[in-house]
Protein backbone atom coordinates (compact mmCIF):
# COMPACT_ATOMS: atom_id res chain seq x y z
CA MET A 1 6.00 1.19 -15.40
CA ILE A 2 3.01 1.66 -12.95
CA ILE A 3 1.00 4.60 -13.65
CA LEU A 4 -1.56 6.10 -10.93
CA GLU A 5 -4.00 8.83 -11.80
CA PHE A 6 -5.21 10.45 -8.71
CA ASN A 7 -8.13 12.74 -8.72
CA THR A 8 -8.01 14.66 -5.29
CA ARG A 9 -11.31 16.60 -5.61
CA GLU A 10 -13.28 13.34 -6.61
CA HIS A 11 -11.00 10.92 -4.30
CA THR A 12 -10.53 8.51 -7.28
CA LEU A 13 -7.51 6.44 -8.58
CA ASP A 14 -6.72 4.59 -11.94
CA ALA A 15 -4.06 2.24 -11.40
CA THR A 16 -2.30 0.81 -14.55
CA PHE A 17 0.24 -1.74 -13.64
CA PHE A 18 2.72 -2.79 -16.10
CA ASP A 19 0.54 -2.44 -19.52
CA GLU A 20 -2.43 -4.13 -17.84
CA SER A 21 -5.92 -2.47 -17.82
CA PRO A 22 -6.53 0.10 -15.70
CA GLN A 23 -7.94 -0.71 -12.18
CA TYR A 24 -10.49 2.00 -10.65
CA TYR A 25 -10.45 2.63 -6.92
CA ASP A 26 -12.86 5.19 -5.10
CA ASN A 27 -12.79 6.89 -1.70
CA VAL A 28 -8.79 7.27 -2.03
CA MET A 29 -7.90 10.02 0.40
CA THR A 30 -4.12 10.19 -0.45
CA ILE A 31 -0.76 9.08 -1.77
CA LYS A 32 2.09 9.22 0.61
CA TYR A 33 5.75 8.31 0.45
CA PHE A 34 6.42 5.36 2.75
CA GLU A 35 10.11 3.83 3.06
CA GLY A 36 11.03 3.64 -0.62
CA PHE A 37 7.23 3.17 -1.80
CA TYR A 38 4.38 5.16 -2.43
CA GLU A 39 1.38 3.97 -0.13
CA VAL A 40 -1.97 4.35 -1.27
CA LEU A 41 -4.71 5.21 1.29
CA GLN A 42 -8.48 4.43 1.34
CA LYS A 43 -11.46 5.48 3.49
CA GLN A 44 -12.89 2.30 4.94
CA SER A 45 -16.41 1.87 6.17
CA ASN A 46 -15.36 2.98 9.86
CA GLY A 47 -14.07 6.44 8.73
CA LYS A 48 -9.99 5.59 9.13
CA ASN A 49 -7.90 5.78 6.12
CA ALA A 50 -6.22 2.25 5.69
CA PRO A 51 -3.13 1.40 3.16
CA LEU A 52 -4.76 -0.22 -0.09
CA PHE A 53 -1.75 -1.01 -1.72
CA ARG A 54 2.34 0.05 -2.12
CA VAL A 55 4.22 0.50 -5.00
CA PRO A 56 8.04 1.20 -5.80
CA LEU A 57 9.07 4.67 -6.44
CA SER A 58 11.64 3.56 -9.05
CA SER A 59 9.11 2.20 -11.29
CA THR A 60 5.88 4.53 -10.54
CA VAL A 61 4.59 7.73 -11.93
CA ILE A 62 1.95 9.82 -10.33
CA LYS A 63 -0.43 11.77 -12.32
CA TYR A 64 -2.48 14.42 -10.53
CA THR A 65 -5.66 16.03 -11.43
CA HIS A 66 -7.68 18.54 -9.36
CA GLU A 67 -10.85 18.69 -11.42
């Protein structure tokens, strides 16, 4: 199971892939649905959002916080 913990106020993401240690990402702007996957978008230094990674819908849980 993949667990994504997305803080929409801080624009941070903790991603746990199959019982490994969580990986931390900052400047995460959104998570969107894309052809059977969730696509995580991160703001780049040029100000544009670019895909960081994709994870399958069937094995992913997303937890949103707004604090």
